[in-house]
């Protein structure tokens, strides 16, 4: 249980994309290693956390799911507030869910921190025979927009860990490089309890006295 309480960073990551693309199952696969075949659309906002160790630091990932709100266009800026990462999810077998990615991206950038780390995720890669979105097309779109890209399957677990780990690693890089010194990313991730890191915090206080 100890590791749940001691972590260096808390990163809030939001899941966005059309209804039915598998956002809730990506959430439950990553945080609980579960997949619900009968997952109904839930209304409200859900989030789950999971603590992961990446290299020599411990991150508590707080993953938020729109949970059905996307069909009501009721996602508010509160959902995006403080988010340092986003997975923009579409279903590789439903081209319409991919076509709406641009609109989701616009909404994200309207509400979220401009430095947010975004990964385009083609979910349901297990449905190869029904694929309507070619990998190369999505990869090209991601490159054009400066997004990370991965295809996943929440059903058979393919790349789910990798997608979240890559996003969390990229967020940590931004924070560690002090690329973001003002604004919400550093405020969200660098303030608050840093369980493990009390010695480093002391050092930091020492180094910056008088500033």
Protein backbone atom coordinates (compact mmCIF):
# COMPACT_ATOMS: atom_id res chain seq x y z
CA UNK A 1 0.00 0.00 0.00
CA UNK A 2 2.94 2.28 0.73
CA UNK A 3 3.59 3.05 -2.93
CA UNK A 4 0.07 4.42 -3.33
CA UNK A 5 0.91 7.15 -0.84
CA UNK A 6 4.38 8.09 -1.98
CA UNK A 7 4.80 9.53 -5.41
CA UNK A 8 6.79 12.29 -7.04
CA UNK A 9 4.07 13.64 -9.33
CA UNK A 10 0.34 13.55 -9.87
CA UNK A 11 -0.56 13.86 -13.55
CA UNK A 12 -4.15 14.33 -14.67
CA UNK A 13 -4.81 12.75 -18.08
CA UNK A 14 -8.16 13.09 -19.85
CA UNK A 15 -9.76 10.72 -22.35
CA UNK A 16 -11.66 12.39 -25.17
CA UNK A 17 -13.32 11.21 -28.38
CA UNK A 18 -16.71 10.05 -29.60
CA UNK A 19 -19.04 7.84 -27.60
CA UNK A 20 -18.44 4.10 -27.99
CA UNK A 21 -14.78 4.18 -29.04
CA UNK A 22 -13.68 2.39 -25.88
CA UNK A 23 -12.51 5.20 -23.59
CA UNK A 24 -14.02 3.59 -20.47
CA UNK A 25 -12.42 0.26 -21.29
CA UNK A 26 -9.02 1.88 -21.87
CA UNK A 27 -9.44 3.44 -18.43
CA UNK A 28 -10.44 0.19 -16.73
CA UNK A 29 -7.79 -1.85 -18.59
CA UNK A 30 -5.01 0.52 -17.51
CA UNK A 31 -6.14 1.17 -13.93
CA UNK A 32 -7.75 -2.17 -12.98
CA UNK A 33 -6.75 -4.54 -15.79
CA UNK A 34 -10.42 -5.15 -16.52
CA UNK A 35 -12.52 -5.10 -19.67
CA UNK A 36 -16.31 -4.90 -19.56
CA UNK A 37 -18.01 -6.43 -22.59
CA UNK A 38 -21.33 -4.93 -21.60
CA UNK A 39 -20.08 -1.48 -20.73
CA UNK A 40 -23.01 0.86 -20.89
CA UNK A 41 -22.68 4.58 -21.37
CA UNK A 42 -22.42 6.09 -17.93
CA UNK A 43 -23.37 9.68 -17.34
CA UNK A 44 -21.12 11.95 -15.40
CA UNK A 45 -17.36 12.08 -15.11
CA UNK A 46 -15.38 9.15 -13.81
CA UNK A 47 -11.74 8.95 -12.95
CA UNK A 48 -9.44 6.23 -11.67
CA UNK A 49 -5.89 6.40 -10.51
CA UNK A 50 -2.91 4.15 -10.87
CA UNK A 51 0.59 4.64 -9.56
CA UNK A 52 3.37 3.69 -11.97
CA UNK A 53 7.13 3.73 -11.72
CA UNK A 54 8.90 5.16 -14.75
CA UNK A 55 12.68 5.13 -14.63
CA UNK A 56 13.49 6.35 -11.13
CA UNK A 57 10.36 8.34 -10.33
CA UNK A 58 6.87 7.42 -9.25
CA UNK A 59 3.85 8.97 -10.92
CA UNK A 60 0.29 8.84 -9.74
CA UNK A 61 -1.76 8.94 -12.93
CA UNK A 62 -5.27 10.28 -12.52
CA UNK A 63 -7.15 9.24 -15.66
CA UNK A 64 -10.47 11.00 -16.35
CA UNK A 65 -13.20 9.68 -18.62
CA UNK A 66 -15.98 11.78 -20.17
CA UNK A 67 -18.37 8.93 -19.35
CA UNK A 68 -21.12 9.66 -21.83
CA UNK A 69 -21.07 13.44 -21.67
CA UNK A 70 -19.65 13.71 -25.18
CA UNK A 71 -23.05 13.01 -26.70
CA UNK A 72 -24.55 15.94 -24.81
CA UNK A 73 -21.79 18.36 -25.75
CA UNK A 74 -21.70 19.15 -22.06
CA UNK A 75 -18.02 18.69 -21.43
CA UNK A 76 -17.00 21.80 -19.58
CA UNK A 77 -13.71 23.50 -19.02
CA UNK A 78 -13.71 21.95 -15.52
CA UNK A 79 -13.11 18.56 -17.10
CA UNK A 80 -9.96 19.83 -18.82
CA UNK A 81 -8.74 22.00 -15.95
CA UNK A 82 -5.34 20.91 -14.72
CA UNK A 83 -4.99 18.18 -17.34
CA UNK A 84 -1.38 17.67 -18.43
CA UNK A 85 -2.09 14.88 -20.91
CA UNK A 86 -4.89 13.73 -23.19
CA UNK A 87 -5.67 10.58 -25.15
CA UNK A 88 -7.82 11.42 -28.16
CA UNK A 89 -9.45 8.09 -28.94
CA UNK A 90 -11.17 6.85 -32.11
CA UNK A 91 -12.28 3.39 -33.25
CA UNK A 92 -10.21 2.03 -36.16
CA UNK A 93 -13.35 0.29 -37.50
CA UNK A 94 -15.56 3.43 -37.51
CA UNK A 95 -14.22 6.13 -39.80
CA UNK A 96 -16.65 8.75 -38.47
CA UNK A 97 -15.07 8.56 -35.02
CA UNK A 98 -11.72 9.34 -36.64
CA UNK A 99 -13.15 12.20 -38.69
CA UNK A 100 -14.25 13.96 -35.52
CA UNK A 101 -10.70 13.96 -34.10
CA UNK A 102 -10.03 17.44 -35.45
CA UNK A 103 -13.08 18.84 -33.66
CA UNK A 104 -12.05 17.17 -30.39
CA UNK A 105 -8.57 18.59 -30.78
CA UNK A 106 -9.99 22.08 -31.20
CA UNK A 107 -12.13 21.69 -28.08
CA UNK A 108 -9.14 20.39 -26.15
CA UNK A 109 -6.92 23.32 -27.15
CA UNK A 110 -9.75 25.77 -26.42
CA UNK A 111 -9.95 24.57 -22.82
CA UNK A 112 -6.66 22.95 -21.85
CA UNK A 113 -3.13 24.12 -21.21
CA UNK A 114 -1.35 24.80 -24.53
CA UNK A 115 1.58 22.62 -23.43
CA UNK A 116 -0.63 19.57 -22.87
CA UNK A 117 0.77 16.26 -24.18
CA UNK A 118 -1.67 14.69 -26.65
CA UNK A 119 -1.70 11.19 -28.10
CA UNK A 120 -4.03 10.13 -30.90
CA UNK A 121 -5.17 6.60 -30.10
CA UNK A 122 -6.70 4.23 -32.64
CA UNK A 123 -8.51 1.79 -30.36
CA UNK A 124 -10.01 -1.64 -31.18
CA UNK A 125 -6.95 -2.76 -33.16
CA UNK A 126 -8.28 -6.30 -32.63
CA UNK A 127 -10.91 -5.53 -35.30
CA UNK A 128 -8.35 -5.69 -38.14
CA UNK A 129 -10.80 -7.23 -40.60
CA UNK A 130 -13.24 -4.32 -40.10
CA UNK A 131 -10.61 -1.57 -40.22
CA UNK A 132 -11.73 1.60 -42.02
CA UNK A 133 -8.94 3.93 -40.83
CA UNK A 134 -5.52 3.06 -42.31
CA UNK A 135 -2.68 3.31 -39.80
CA UNK A 136 -0.64 5.48 -42.22
CA UNK A 137 -3.48 8.00 -42.57
CA UNK A 138 -3.83 8.43 -38.81
CA UNK A 139 -0.06 8.57 -38.35
CA UNK A 140 0.14 11.31 -40.98
CA UNK A 141 -2.62 13.31 -39.25
CA UNK A 142 -0.84 12.93 -35.89
CA UNK A 143 2.49 14.05 -37.37
CA UNK A 144 0.85 17.04 -39.00
CA UNK A 145 -0.73 18.12 -35.69
CA UNK A 146 2.30 17.34 -33.55
CA UNK A 147 0.59 14.52 -31.67
CA UNK A 148 1.92 11.20 -30.44
CA UNK A 149 0.18 8.21 -32.02
CA UNK A 150 -0.54 4.60 -31.13
CA UNK A 151 -3.04 1.88 -31.95
CA UNK A 152 -4.40 -0.06 -28.99
CA UNK A 153 -6.85 -2.77 -28.07
CA UNK A 154 -8.47 -2.49 -24.65
CA UNK A 155 -10.01 -5.91 -25.38
CA UNK A 156 -6.75 -7.85 -25.74
CA UNK A 157 -4.55 -5.30 -23.89
CA UNK A 158 -2.35 -4.48 -26.90
CA UNK A 159 -0.38 -1.26 -26.34
CA UNK A 160 -2.59 0.01 -23.50
CA UNK A 161 0.29 0.13 -21.02
CA UNK A 162 2.60 1.57 -23.69
CA UNK A 163 0.19 4.36 -24.63
CA UNK A 164 -0.24 5.58 -21.05
CA UNK A 165 3.44 5.12 -20.21
CA UNK A 166 4.56 7.09 -23.26
CA UNK A 167 2.19 9.93 -22.43
CA UNK A 168 3.27 10.00 -18.77
CA UNK A 169 6.95 9.91 -19.76
CA UNK A 170 6.46 12.78 -22.21
CA UNK A 171 4.67 14.85 -19.54
CA UNK A 172 7.47 14.18 -17.09
CA UNK A 173 10.06 15.26 -19.65
CA UNK A 174 8.28 18.58 -20.14
CA UNK A 175 8.08 19.17 -16.41
CA UNK A 176 11.66 18.06 -15.72
CA UNK A 177 13.13 20.17 -18.52
CA UNK A 178 11.42 23.21 -17.03
CA UNK A 179 10.09 23.82 -20.51
CA UNK A 180 7.00 24.88 -18.65
CA UNK A 181 7.92 27.20 -15.85
CA UNK A 182 4.76 29.26 -15.61
CA UNK A 183 1.22 28.10 -15.98
CA UNK A 184 -0.85 25.16 -15.02
CA UNK A 185 1.45 22.28 -15.84
CA UNK A 186 4.08 23.17 -13.27
CA UNK A 187 1.42 24.27 -10.80
CA UNK A 188 -0.45 21.01 -11.07
CA UNK A 189 2.48 18.67 -11.01
CA UNK A 190 5.08 20.38 -8.92
CA UNK A 191 3.06 21.62 -6.00
CA UNK A 192 1.32 19.56 -3.40
CA UNK A 193 2.56 16.51 -1.53
CA UNK A 194 5.69 14.97 -2.98
CA UNK A 195 5.79 11.99 -0.65
CA UNK A 196 9.00 10.33 -1.70
CA UNK A 197 11.00 13.33 -2.42
CA UNK A 198 11.39 15.15 0.85
CA UNK A 199 15.20 15.28 0.65
CA UNK A 200 15.06 16.71 -2.83
CA UNK A 201 12.47 19.22 -1.69
CA UNK A 202 14.78 20.28 1.11
CA UNK A 203 17.57 20.69 -1.41
CA UNK A 204 15.32 22.73 -3.62
CA UNK A 205 14.42 25.00 -0.73
CA UNK A 206 18.08 25.28 0.14
CA UNK A 207 19.12 26.19 -3.37
CA UNK A 208 16.48 28.79 -3.85
CA UNK A 209 16.50 30.69 -0.57
CA UNK A 210 15.68 34.30 -0.97
CA UNK A 211 14.10 33.87 -4.39
